[in-house]
Amino acid sequence: MSALKRITAMAFVLLALQAAAPARAASLQVWNGWSWSDSGTVDFYGPVEFSYVGSGQRCDMRMSLSIVNGSATVTSASFTGNGNCDSLTAHALPWRFSAIWQYSGSVPPVVAAPVMTPPLYSVDIAGLRIAFSGPFGVTCPNPSGTATMTAYLDHAYPANGLVFSATLGPCRLQTRSSMALRSSTPVKAI
């Protein structure tokens, strides 16, 4: 009987480990007007706040993604708004979308994020470097390094939401309270 108990206990342990394992990594698809495709382009546009040691700039950000065979990279990123927003420049492009996983944590995933349409996916955006030639003349995270930020993508139709809040050395980049960047065309993680 003790062997049966051990086998049963091991079965429960294996089931618990399998249940605790994260969802599989995903790839992206973009709507091309008539079907889902593993390759294409999409822009995300919306309100962000960029701050350096507490001094913030409210800007609009546009990120252009290129999706090739399900893998995405940010090919350009720009900031507009007041005069200081125009002095923000993306460096070290392309930034890589990596580690796309189905998100199962608290909702909203970012403090003060808007209501997001499930399923949500966490996305690591790697290789970020942003120069701020405005009043501070700083590059974040630093002039030669890069940072990774985690963003959260929802499945809203017809425009996906993307939210994030990231520390880039002495700087912070985040979507504005209760707002998200919205996609120019639908994308989905599969």
N, C-alpha and C. Protein backbone atom coordinates (compact mmCIF):
# COMPACT_ATOMS: atom_id res chain seq x y z
N MET A 1 0.81 -1.19 0.00
CA MET A 1 0.00 0.00 0.00
C MET A 1 0.86 1.26 0.00
N SER A 2 2.02 1.22 0.63
CA SER A 2 2.87 2.41 0.66
C SER A 2 3.38 2.77 -0.73
N ALA A 3 3.62 1.79 -1.58
CA ALA A 3 4.04 2.06 -2.96
C ALA A 3 2.93 2.78 -3.72
N LEU A 4 1.69 2.39 -3.51
CA LEU A 4 0.56 3.03 -4.16
C LEU A 4 0.43 4.48 -3.69
N LYS A 5 0.65 4.72 -2.40
CA LYS A 5 0.60 6.08 -1.87
C LYS A 5 1.69 6.95 -2.49
N ARG A 6 2.90 6.38 -2.63
CA ARG A 6 3.99 7.13 -3.25
C ARG A 6 3.69 7.46 -4.70
N ILE A 7 3.16 6.52 -5.43
CA ILE A 7 2.81 6.75 -6.84
C ILE A 7 1.73 7.81 -6.95
N THR A 8 0.74 7.73 -6.07
CA THR A 8 -0.34 8.73 -6.07
C THR A 8 0.22 10.11 -5.73
N ALA A 9 1.09 10.18 -4.72
CA ALA A 9 1.69 11.46 -4.34
C ALA A 9 2.52 12.03 -5.49
N MET A 10 3.29 11.19 -6.16
CA MET A 10 4.09 11.65 -7.31
C MET A 10 3.19 12.16 -8.43
N ALA A 11 2.08 11.48 -8.66
CA ALA A 11 1.14 11.92 -9.70
C ALA A 11 0.60 13.30 -9.38
N PHE A 12 0.26 13.54 -8.10
CA PHE A 12 -0.24 14.86 -7.71
C PHE A 12 0.84 15.92 -7.87
N VAL A 13 2.07 15.59 -7.52
CA VAL A 13 3.18 16.54 -7.69
C VAL A 13 3.36 16.89 -9.16
N LEU A 14 3.36 15.89 -10.04
CA LEU A 14 3.50 16.14 -11.47
C LEU A 14 2.36 16.99 -12.02
N LEU A 15 1.14 16.71 -11.59
CA LEU A 15 0.00 17.52 -12.03
C LEU A 15 0.13 18.95 -11.54
N ALA A 16 0.57 19.14 -10.30
CA ALA A 16 0.75 20.49 -9.77
C ALA A 16 1.82 21.25 -10.54
N LEU A 17 2.92 20.59 -10.86
CA LEU A 17 3.98 21.23 -11.64
C LEU A 17 3.49 21.61 -13.03
N GLN A 18 2.73 20.74 -13.65
CA GLN A 18 2.21 21.04 -14.98
C GLN A 18 1.25 22.21 -14.92
N ALA A 19 0.41 22.28 -13.90
CA ALA A 19 -0.56 23.37 -13.77
C ALA A 19 0.15 24.69 -13.48
N ALA A 20 1.29 24.65 -12.79
CA ALA A 20 2.02 25.86 -12.45
C ALA A 20 2.89 26.36 -13.58
N ALA A 21 3.11 25.57 -14.60
CA ALA A 21 3.97 25.98 -15.71
C ALA A 21 3.32 27.11 -16.49
N PRO A 22 4.09 28.11 -16.92
CA PRO A 22 3.52 29.22 -17.67
C PRO A 22 3.03 28.75 -19.04
N ALA A 23 2.12 29.55 -19.60
CA ALA A 23 1.62 29.24 -20.94
C ALA A 23 2.78 29.30 -21.94
N ARG A 24 2.63 28.63 -23.05
CA ARG A 24 3.71 28.56 -24.02
C ARG A 24 4.00 29.93 -24.62
N ALA A 25 5.20 30.08 -25.13
CA ALA A 25 5.56 31.31 -25.82
C ALA A 25 4.70 31.43 -27.07
N ALA A 26 4.40 32.65 -27.44
CA ALA A 26 3.52 32.88 -28.58
C ALA A 26 4.24 33.65 -29.67
N SER A 27 3.65 33.63 -30.83
CA SER A 27 4.12 34.48 -31.92
C SER A 27 2.98 35.42 -32.28
N LEU A 28 3.26 36.42 -33.11
CA LEU A 28 2.26 37.41 -33.46
C LEU A 28 1.77 37.21 -34.88
N GLN A 29 0.52 37.57 -35.10
CA GLN A 29 -0.05 37.64 -36.43
C GLN A 29 -0.71 39.00 -36.58
N VAL A 30 -0.76 39.49 -37.81
CA VAL A 30 -1.36 40.79 -38.11
C VAL A 30 -2.48 40.58 -39.13
N TRP A 31 -3.54 41.36 -39.00
CA TRP A 31 -4.66 41.30 -39.94
C TRP A 31 -4.28 42.09 -41.19
N ASN A 32 -4.30 41.44 -42.34
CA ASN A 32 -3.89 42.12 -43.57
C ASN A 32 -5.07 42.61 -44.41
N GLY A 33 -6.25 42.63 -43.82
CA GLY A 33 -7.43 43.11 -44.53
C GLY A 33 -8.39 42.01 -44.93
N TRP A 34 -7.88 40.79 -45.05
CA TRP A 34 -8.74 39.66 -45.41
C TRP A 34 -8.42 38.39 -44.64
N SER A 35 -7.24 38.32 -44.02
CA SER A 35 -6.90 37.13 -43.24
C SER A 35 -5.76 37.46 -42.28
N TRP A 36 -5.51 36.56 -41.33
CA TRP A 36 -4.39 36.71 -40.40
C TRP A 36 -3.12 36.25 -41.09
N SER A 37 -2.04 37.03 -40.90
CA SER A 37 -0.78 36.72 -41.56
C SER A 37 0.35 36.71 -40.54
N ASP A 38 1.35 35.87 -40.77
CA ASP A 38 2.54 35.83 -39.92
C ASP A 38 3.51 36.97 -40.22
N SER A 39 3.24 37.76 -41.25
CA SER A 39 4.13 38.85 -41.64
C SER A 39 3.31 40.08 -42.00
N GLY A 40 3.83 41.25 -41.61
CA GLY A 40 3.16 42.51 -41.91
C GLY A 40 3.67 43.61 -41.00
N THR A 41 3.02 44.75 -41.04
CA THR A 41 3.42 45.88 -40.20
C THR A 41 2.20 46.40 -39.45
N VAL A 42 2.46 47.00 -38.32
CA VAL A 42 1.41 47.61 -37.50
C VAL A 42 2.04 48.74 -36.70
N ASP A 43 1.29 49.82 -36.52
CA ASP A 43 1.73 50.93 -35.68
C ASP A 43 0.92 50.92 -34.39
N PHE A 44 1.57 51.23 -33.28
CA PHE A 44 0.89 51.48 -32.02
C PHE A 44 1.08 52.95 -31.71
N TYR A 45 0.00 53.63 -31.36
CA TYR A 45 0.06 55.07 -31.14
C TYR A 45 -0.77 55.41 -29.91
N GLY A 46 -0.24 56.30 -29.06
CA GLY A 46 -1.01 56.72 -27.91
C GLY A 46 -0.22 57.56 -26.93
N PRO A 47 -0.89 57.97 -25.84
CA PRO A 47 -0.30 58.88 -24.86
C PRO A 47 0.62 58.17 -23.86
N VAL A 48 1.79 58.74 -23.67
CA VAL A 48 2.75 58.22 -22.70
C VAL A 48 3.27 59.37 -21.84
N GLU A 49 3.98 58.99 -20.81
CA GLU A 49 4.71 59.97 -20.01
C GLU A 49 6.15 59.50 -19.90
N PHE A 50 7.07 60.38 -20.22
CA PHE A 50 8.49 60.11 -20.09
C PHE A 50 8.99 61.02 -18.99
N SER A 51 9.68 60.46 -18.01
CA SER A 51 10.19 61.30 -16.93
C SER A 51 11.65 60.99 -16.64
N TYR A 52 12.33 62.03 -16.23
CA TYR A 52 13.73 61.91 -15.82
C TYR A 52 13.82 62.44 -14.40
N VAL A 53 14.27 61.60 -13.47
CA VAL A 53 14.33 61.90 -12.03
C VAL A 53 13.12 62.72 -11.56
N GLY A 54 11.94 62.26 -11.96
CA GLY A 54 10.70 62.85 -11.46
C GLY A 54 10.10 63.96 -12.30
N SER A 55 10.85 64.54 -13.23
CA SER A 55 10.32 65.60 -14.08
C SER A 55 9.73 64.96 -15.34
N GLY A 56 8.41 65.07 -15.51
CA GLY A 56 7.74 64.33 -16.57
C GLY A 56 7.34 65.16 -17.77
N GLN A 57 7.31 64.50 -18.91
CA GLN A 57 6.83 65.07 -20.17
C GLN A 57 5.67 64.21 -20.66
N ARG A 58 4.53 64.82 -20.92
CA ARG A 58 3.38 64.10 -21.49
C ARG A 58 3.49 64.20 -23.00
N CYS A 59 3.57 63.04 -23.63
CA CYS A 59 3.81 62.98 -25.08
C CYS A 59 2.88 61.96 -25.71
N ASP A 60 2.89 61.93 -27.02
CA ASP A 60 2.27 60.84 -27.78
C ASP A 60 3.40 60.05 -28.39
N MET A 61 3.27 58.73 -28.36
CA MET A 61 4.32 57.85 -28.87
C MET A 61 3.77 57.02 -30.02
N ARG A 62 4.57 56.85 -31.05
CA ARG A 62 4.23 55.95 -32.16
C ARG A 62 5.35 54.93 -32.28
N MET A 63 4.97 53.65 -32.20
CA MET A 63 5.92 52.55 -32.41
C MET A 63 5.48 51.78 -33.65
N SER A 64 6.39 51.60 -34.59
CA SER A 64 6.10 50.80 -35.78
C SER A 64 6.72 49.43 -35.61
N LEU A 65 5.90 48.40 -35.78
CA LEU A 65 6.36 47.02 -35.65
C LEU A 65 6.41 46.37 -37.02
N SER A 66 7.45 45.60 -37.22
CA SER A 66 7.55 44.73 -38.39
C SER A 66 7.43 43.30 -37.87
N ILE A 67 6.48 42.56 -38.42
CA ILE A 67 6.28 41.17 -38.03
C ILE A 67 6.69 40.29 -39.20
N VAL A 68 7.67 39.42 -38.97
CA VAL A 68 8.16 38.51 -40.01
C VAL A 68 8.14 37.09 -39.43
N ASN A 69 7.39 36.22 -40.07
CA ASN A 69 7.24 34.84 -39.60
C ASN A 69 6.86 34.76 -38.13
N GLY A 70 6.01 35.69 -37.67
CA GLY A 70 5.51 35.68 -36.31
C GLY A 70 6.37 36.39 -35.29
N SER A 71 7.61 36.77 -35.67
CA SER A 71 8.51 37.50 -34.76
C SER A 71 8.42 38.99 -35.05
N ALA A 72 8.37 39.79 -34.00
CA ALA A 72 8.19 41.23 -34.18
C ALA A 72 9.39 42.02 -33.68
N THR A 73 9.67 43.12 -34.38
CA THR A 73 10.66 44.09 -33.94
C THR A 73 10.07 45.48 -34.10
N VAL A 74 10.46 46.38 -33.20
CA VAL A 74 10.09 47.78 -33.31
C VAL A 74 11.11 48.42 -34.24
N THR A 75 10.67 48.85 -35.41
CA THR A 75 11.59 49.41 -36.40
C THR A 75 11.74 50.91 -36.26
N SER A 76 10.75 51.57 -35.65
CA SER A 76 10.88 53.00 -35.37
C SER A 76 9.99 53.35 -34.19
N ALA A 77 10.40 54.38 -33.47
CA ALA A 77 9.63 54.90 -32.35
C ALA A 77 9.84 56.41 -32.33
N SER A 78 8.76 57.15 -32.22
CA SER A 78 8.88 58.61 -32.20
C SER A 78 7.92 59.19 -31.16
N PHE A 79 8.24 60.41 -30.74
CA PHE A 79 7.46 61.09 -29.72
C PHE A 79 7.07 62.47 -30.25
N THR A 80 5.82 62.85 -30.03
CA THR A 80 5.35 64.18 -30.42
C THR A 80 4.56 64.77 -29.27
N GLY A 81 4.27 66.04 -29.38
CA GLY A 81 3.52 66.74 -28.34
C GLY A 81 4.15 68.10 -28.15
N ASN A 82 4.42 68.45 -26.90
CA ASN A 82 5.05 69.74 -26.66
C ASN A 82 6.50 69.73 -27.15
N GLY A 83 7.16 70.86 -27.12
CA GLY A 83 8.53 70.98 -27.65
C GLY A 83 9.51 69.99 -27.07
N ASN A 84 9.37 69.67 -25.79
CA ASN A 84 10.29 68.72 -25.18
C ASN A 84 10.06 67.30 -25.68
N CYS A 85 8.83 66.96 -26.07
CA CYS A 85 8.57 65.62 -26.60
C CYS A 85 9.32 65.41 -27.91
N ASP A 86 9.40 66.44 -28.71
CA ASP A 86 10.10 66.33 -29.99
C ASP A 86 11.60 66.10 -29.80
N SER A 87 12.11 66.34 -28.58
CA SER A 87 13.54 66.13 -28.34
C SER A 87 13.84 64.73 -27.81
N LEU A 88 12.83 63.86 -27.73
CA LEU A 88 13.03 62.45 -27.38
C LEU A 88 13.31 61.67 -28.65
N THR A 89 14.38 60.88 -28.64
CA THR A 89 14.78 60.12 -29.82
C THR A 89 15.05 58.67 -29.44
N ALA A 90 14.47 57.75 -30.22
CA ALA A 90 14.72 56.32 -30.01
C ALA A 90 16.06 55.94 -30.62
N HIS A 91 16.86 55.19 -29.88
CA HIS A 91 18.16 54.71 -30.35
C HIS A 91 18.21 53.19 -30.24
N ALA A 92 19.25 52.61 -30.80
CA ALA A 92 19.53 51.16 -30.73
C ALA A 92 18.41 50.34 -31.38
N LEU A 93 17.73 50.94 -32.35
CA LEU A 93 16.68 50.20 -33.08
C LEU A 93 17.32 49.18 -34.01
N PRO A 94 16.69 48.07 -34.31
CA PRO A 94 15.33 47.71 -33.89
C PRO A 94 15.31 47.16 -32.47
N TRP A 95 14.18 47.43 -31.78
CA TRP A 95 13.93 46.84 -30.48
C TRP A 95 13.21 45.52 -30.71
N ARG A 96 13.54 44.51 -29.96
CA ARG A 96 12.97 43.17 -30.17
C ARG A 96 11.77 42.90 -29.27
N PHE A 97 10.69 42.43 -29.86
CA PHE A 97 9.58 41.86 -29.10
C PHE A 97 9.99 40.43 -28.80
N SER A 98 10.09 40.07 -27.54
CA SER A 98 10.48 38.70 -27.22
C SER A 98 9.68 38.22 -26.02
N ALA A 99 9.79 36.95 -25.75
CA ALA A 99 9.14 36.34 -24.58
C ALA A 99 7.67 36.72 -24.49
N ILE A 100 6.92 36.42 -25.52
CA ILE A 100 5.48 36.69 -25.53
C ILE A 100 4.79 35.52 -24.83
N TRP A 101 4.18 35.81 -23.69
CA TRP A 101 3.53 34.77 -22.89
C TRP A 101 2.12 35.19 -22.54
N GLN A 102 1.22 34.23 -22.45
CA GLN A 102 -0.12 34.57 -21.99
C GLN A 102 -0.01 35.00 -20.53
N TYR A 103 -0.61 36.13 -20.21
CA TYR A 103 -0.52 36.74 -18.89
C TYR A 103 -1.66 36.25 -18.01
N SER A 104 -1.34 35.88 -16.78
CA SER A 104 -2.38 35.38 -15.88
C SER A 104 -2.32 36.06 -14.52
N GLY A 105 -1.67 37.21 -14.44
CA GLY A 105 -1.55 37.91 -13.17
C GLY A 105 -2.73 38.82 -12.90
N SER A 106 -2.52 39.81 -12.03
CA SER A 106 -3.59 40.72 -11.65
C SER A 106 -3.97 41.61 -12.83
N VAL A 107 -5.23 42.01 -12.85
CA VAL A 107 -5.73 42.88 -13.91
C VAL A 107 -6.27 44.13 -13.24
N PRO A 108 -5.87 45.33 -13.65
CA PRO A 108 -4.99 45.58 -14.78
C PRO A 108 -3.54 45.26 -14.43
N PRO A 109 -2.74 44.92 -15.45
CA PRO A 109 -1.36 44.53 -15.20
C PRO A 109 -0.45 45.69 -14.84
N VAL A 110 -0.85 46.91 -15.17
CA VAL A 110 -0.10 48.12 -14.86
C VAL A 110 -1.03 49.01 -14.06
N VAL A 111 -0.52 49.62 -12.99
CA VAL A 111 -1.33 50.49 -12.16
C VAL A 111 -2.00 51.56 -13.02
N ALA A 112 -3.28 51.74 -12.84
CA ALA A 112 -4.09 52.75 -13.53
C ALA A 112 -4.24 52.48 -15.03
N ALA A 113 -4.01 51.24 -15.45
CA ALA A 113 -4.22 50.90 -16.87
C ALA A 113 -5.72 50.87 -17.15
N PRO A 114 -6.11 51.05 -18.40
CA PRO A 114 -7.53 50.98 -18.73
C PRO A 114 -8.03 49.53 -18.68
N VAL A 115 -9.32 49.36 -18.82
CA VAL A 115 -9.88 48.02 -18.92
C VAL A 115 -9.32 47.39 -20.19
N MET A 116 -8.83 46.17 -20.08
CA MET A 116 -8.22 45.50 -21.22
C MET A 116 -8.99 44.23 -21.54
N THR A 117 -9.05 43.89 -22.83
CA THR A 117 -9.82 42.75 -23.30
C THR A 117 -8.97 41.49 -23.28
N PRO A 118 -9.36 40.47 -22.49
CA PRO A 118 -8.59 39.24 -22.45
C PRO A 118 -8.71 38.46 -23.75
N PRO A 119 -7.80 37.54 -24.01
CA PRO A 119 -6.65 37.24 -23.17
C PRO A 119 -5.57 38.31 -23.30
N LEU A 120 -4.81 38.49 -22.23
CA LEU A 120 -3.69 39.43 -22.24
C LEU A 120 -2.39 38.66 -22.43
N TYR A 121 -1.44 39.31 -23.08
CA TYR A 121 -0.11 38.72 -23.27
C TYR A 121 0.93 39.69 -22.76
N SER A 122 1.90 39.17 -21.99
CA SER A 122 3.05 40.00 -21.59
C SER A 122 4.09 39.87 -22.69
N VAL A 123 4.72 40.99 -22.99
CA VAL A 123 5.69 41.06 -24.07
C VAL A 123 6.92 41.78 -23.56
N ASP A 124 8.08 41.17 -23.65
CA ASP A 124 9.31 41.88 -23.32
C ASP A 124 9.78 42.60 -24.57
N ILE A 125 10.00 43.91 -24.43
CA ILE A 125 10.55 44.71 -25.53
C ILE A 125 11.98 45.03 -25.14
N ALA A 126 12.92 44.43 -25.86
CA ALA A 126 14.34 44.49 -25.48
C ALA A 126 15.12 45.41 -26.40
N GLY A 127 16.17 46.01 -25.85
CA GLY A 127 17.07 46.84 -26.63
C GLY A 127 16.74 48.32 -26.58
N LEU A 128 15.91 48.75 -25.63
CA LEU A 128 15.49 50.15 -25.58
C LEU A 128 16.62 51.08 -25.16
N ARG A 129 16.71 52.17 -25.86
CA ARG A 129 17.56 53.30 -25.46
C ARG A 129 16.89 54.55 -26.01
N ILE A 130 16.66 55.53 -25.14
CA ILE A 130 15.99 56.76 -25.53
C ILE A 130 16.84 57.94 -25.09
N ALA A 131 17.11 58.84 -26.03
CA ALA A 131 17.87 60.06 -25.72
C ALA A 131 16.89 61.21 -25.56
N PHE A 132 17.13 62.03 -24.54
CA PHE A 132 16.31 63.21 -24.28
C PHE A 132 17.23 64.42 -24.38
N SER A 133 17.21 65.08 -25.53
CA SER A 133 18.11 66.21 -25.74
C SER A 133 17.51 67.51 -25.23
N GLY A 134 16.39 67.43 -24.52
CA GLY A 134 15.73 68.60 -23.96
C GLY A 134 16.56 69.22 -22.84
N PRO A 135 15.90 69.77 -21.84
CA PRO A 135 16.62 70.52 -20.81
C PRO A 135 17.63 69.70 -20.02
N PHE A 136 17.52 68.36 -20.03
CA PHE A 136 18.42 67.55 -19.22
C PHE A 136 19.55 66.93 -20.01
N GLY A 137 19.39 66.73 -21.30
CA GLY A 137 20.43 66.11 -22.12
C GLY A 137 20.89 64.77 -21.58
N VAL A 138 19.99 63.80 -21.51
CA VAL A 138 20.29 62.51 -20.91
C VAL A 138 19.91 61.39 -21.88
N THR A 139 20.62 60.26 -21.79
CA THR A 139 20.27 59.06 -22.55
C THR A 139 19.94 57.96 -21.55
N CYS A 140 18.81 57.31 -21.77
CA CYS A 140 18.34 56.31 -20.81
C CYS A 140 18.25 54.94 -21.46
N PRO A 141 18.75 53.89 -20.84
CA PRO A 141 19.23 53.85 -19.47
C PRO A 141 20.60 54.50 -19.29
N ASN A 142 21.44 54.52 -20.34
CA ASN A 142 22.71 55.23 -20.34
C ASN A 142 23.19 55.31 -21.79
N PRO A 143 24.25 56.08 -22.08
CA PRO A 143 24.65 56.28 -23.48
C PRO A 143 25.06 55.02 -24.24
N SER A 144 25.49 53.97 -23.55
CA SER A 144 25.93 52.77 -24.27
C SER A 144 25.11 51.53 -23.97
N GLY A 145 24.22 51.59 -23.00
CA GLY A 145 23.44 50.42 -22.62
C GLY A 145 22.03 50.43 -23.18
N THR A 146 21.35 49.33 -22.98
CA THR A 146 19.94 49.23 -23.37
C THR A 146 19.16 48.62 -22.21
N ALA A 147 17.86 48.71 -22.29
CA ALA A 147 16.99 48.17 -21.25
C ALA A 147 15.88 47.34 -21.88
N THR A 148 15.23 46.56 -21.06
CA THR A 148 14.08 45.77 -21.48
C THR A 148 12.88 46.21 -20.66
N MET A 149 11.75 46.38 -21.32
CA MET A 149 10.52 46.69 -20.58
C MET A 149 9.47 45.63 -20.91
N THR A 150 8.63 45.37 -19.94
CA THR A 150 7.52 44.45 -20.14
C THR A 150 6.27 45.26 -20.45
N ALA A 151 5.64 44.93 -21.56
CA ALA A 151 4.38 45.56 -21.96
C ALA A 151 3.30 44.49 -21.95
N TYR A 152 2.06 44.92 -21.99
CA TYR A 152 0.93 44.00 -21.96
C TYR A 152 0.01 44.31 -23.13
N LEU A 153 -0.26 43.29 -23.93
CA LEU A 153 -1.05 43.41 -25.15
C LEU A 153 -2.40 42.73 -24.92
N ASP A 154 -3.49 43.43 -25.27
CA ASP A 154 -4.79 42.79 -25.16
C ASP A 154 -5.30 42.39 -26.54
N HIS A 155 -6.47 41.79 -26.58
CA HIS A 155 -7.04 41.32 -27.84
C HIS A 155 -8.29 42.10 -28.21
N ALA A 156 -8.30 43.41 -27.93
CA ALA A 156 -9.45 44.25 -28.29
C ALA A 156 -9.53 44.38 -29.81
N TYR A 157 -10.73 44.44 -30.32
CA TYR A 157 -10.93 44.60 -31.76
C TYR A 157 -11.70 45.89 -31.97
N PRO A 158 -11.38 46.74 -32.90
CA PRO A 158 -10.42 46.56 -33.98
C PRO A 158 -9.03 47.12 -33.68
N ALA A 159 -8.81 47.62 -32.45
CA ALA A 159 -7.50 48.18 -32.13
C ALA A 159 -7.02 47.62 -30.80
N ASN A 160 -5.94 46.85 -30.85
CA ASN A 160 -5.39 46.27 -29.63
C ASN A 160 -4.84 47.36 -28.73
N GLY A 161 -4.89 47.11 -27.42
CA GLY A 161 -4.28 48.01 -26.46
C GLY A 161 -2.93 47.47 -26.03
N LEU A 162 -1.97 48.37 -25.80
CA LEU A 162 -0.64 48.02 -25.31
C LEU A 162 -0.33 48.98 -24.17
N VAL A 163 -0.06 48.45 -22.97
CA VAL A 163 0.27 49.28 -21.82
C VAL A 163 1.61 48.85 -21.24
N PHE A 164 2.29 49.78 -20.59
CA PHE A 164 3.58 49.47 -19.98
C PHE A 164 3.93 50.54 -18.97
N SER A 165 4.85 50.21 -18.08
CA SER A 165 5.44 51.13 -17.13
C SER A 165 6.83 50.59 -16.84
N ALA A 166 7.85 51.31 -17.30
CA ALA A 166 9.21 50.76 -17.24
C ALA A 166 10.20 51.80 -16.72
N THR A 167 11.16 51.30 -15.96
CA THR A 167 12.28 52.12 -15.52
C THR A 167 13.44 51.87 -16.46
N LEU A 168 13.97 52.94 -17.02
CA LEU A 168 15.11 52.87 -17.95
C LEU A 168 16.24 53.67 -17.32
N GLY A 169 16.96 53.07 -16.39
CA GLY A 169 18.00 53.80 -15.67
C GLY A 169 17.34 54.91 -14.86
N PRO A 170 17.78 56.18 -15.03
CA PRO A 170 17.19 57.29 -14.27
C PRO A 170 15.87 57.78 -14.85
N CYS A 171 15.39 57.14 -15.89
CA CYS A 171 14.18 57.59 -16.58
C CYS A 171 13.04 56.59 -16.39
N ARG A 172 11.86 57.05 -16.71
CA ARG A 172 10.67 56.20 -16.66
C ARG A 172 9.84 56.48 -17.91
N LEU A 173 9.35 55.40 -18.53
CA LEU A 173 8.47 55.50 -19.69
C LEU A 173 7.23 54.68 -19.37
N GLN A 174 6.06 55.30 -19.47
CA GLN A 174 4.84 54.58 -19.15
C GLN A 174 3.67 55.14 -19.94
N THR A 175 2.68 54.27 -20.18
CA THR A 175 1.45 54.76 -20.77
C THR A 175 0.76 55.62 -19.72
N ARG A 176 0.06 56.66 -20.19
CA ARG A 176 -0.61 57.55 -19.25
C ARG A 176 -1.77 56.84 -18.55
N SER A 177 -2.11 57.34 -17.39
CA SER A 177 -3.15 56.76 -16.55
C SER A 177 -4.44 56.53 -17.34
N SER A 178 -4.97 55.32 -17.22
CA SER A 178 -6.21 54.86 -17.86
C SER A 178 -6.19 54.95 -19.38
N MET A 179 -5.00 54.95 -19.97
CA MET A 179 -4.87 55.02 -21.43
C MET A 179 -3.92 53.93 -21.92
N ALA A 180 -3.96 53.67 -23.22
CA ALA A 180 -3.11 52.65 -23.83
C ALA A 180 -2.69 53.12 -25.21
N LEU A 181 -1.59 52.57 -25.72
CA LEU A 181 -1.28 52.73 -27.13
C LEU A 181 -2.24 51.81 -27.88
N ARG A 182 -2.75 52.25 -29.02
CA ARG A 182 -3.70 51.46 -29.81
C ARG A 182 -3.09 51.11 -31.15
N SER A 183 -3.41 49.90 -31.63
CA SER A 183 -2.84 49.42 -32.89
C SER A 183 -3.60 49.99 -34.08
N SER A 184 -2.88 50.19 -35.19
CA SER A 184 -3.48 50.69 -36.42
C SER A 184 -4.28 49.61 -37.13
N THR A 185 -3.97 48.38 -36.87
CA THR A 185 -4.67 47.22 -37.42
C THR A 185 -4.62 46.12 -36.38
N PRO A 186 -5.56 45.20 -36.37
CA PRO A 186 -5.54 44.16 -35.33
C PRO A 186 -4.31 43.25 -35.41
N VAL A 187 -3.81 42.89 -34.24
CA VAL A 187 -2.76 41.88 -34.12
C VAL A 187 -3.23 40.87 -33.08
N LYS A 188 -2.67 39.68 -33.14
CA LYS A 188 -3.01 38.69 -32.11
C LYS A 188 -1.81 37.81 -31.85
N ALA A 189 -1.75 37.34 -30.61
CA ALA A 189 -0.72 36.38 -30.23
C ALA A 189 -1.33 35.00 -30.36
N ILE A 190 -0.55 34.08 -30.92
CA ILE A 190 -1.04 32.71 -31.07
C ILE A 190 -0.04 31.74 -30.48
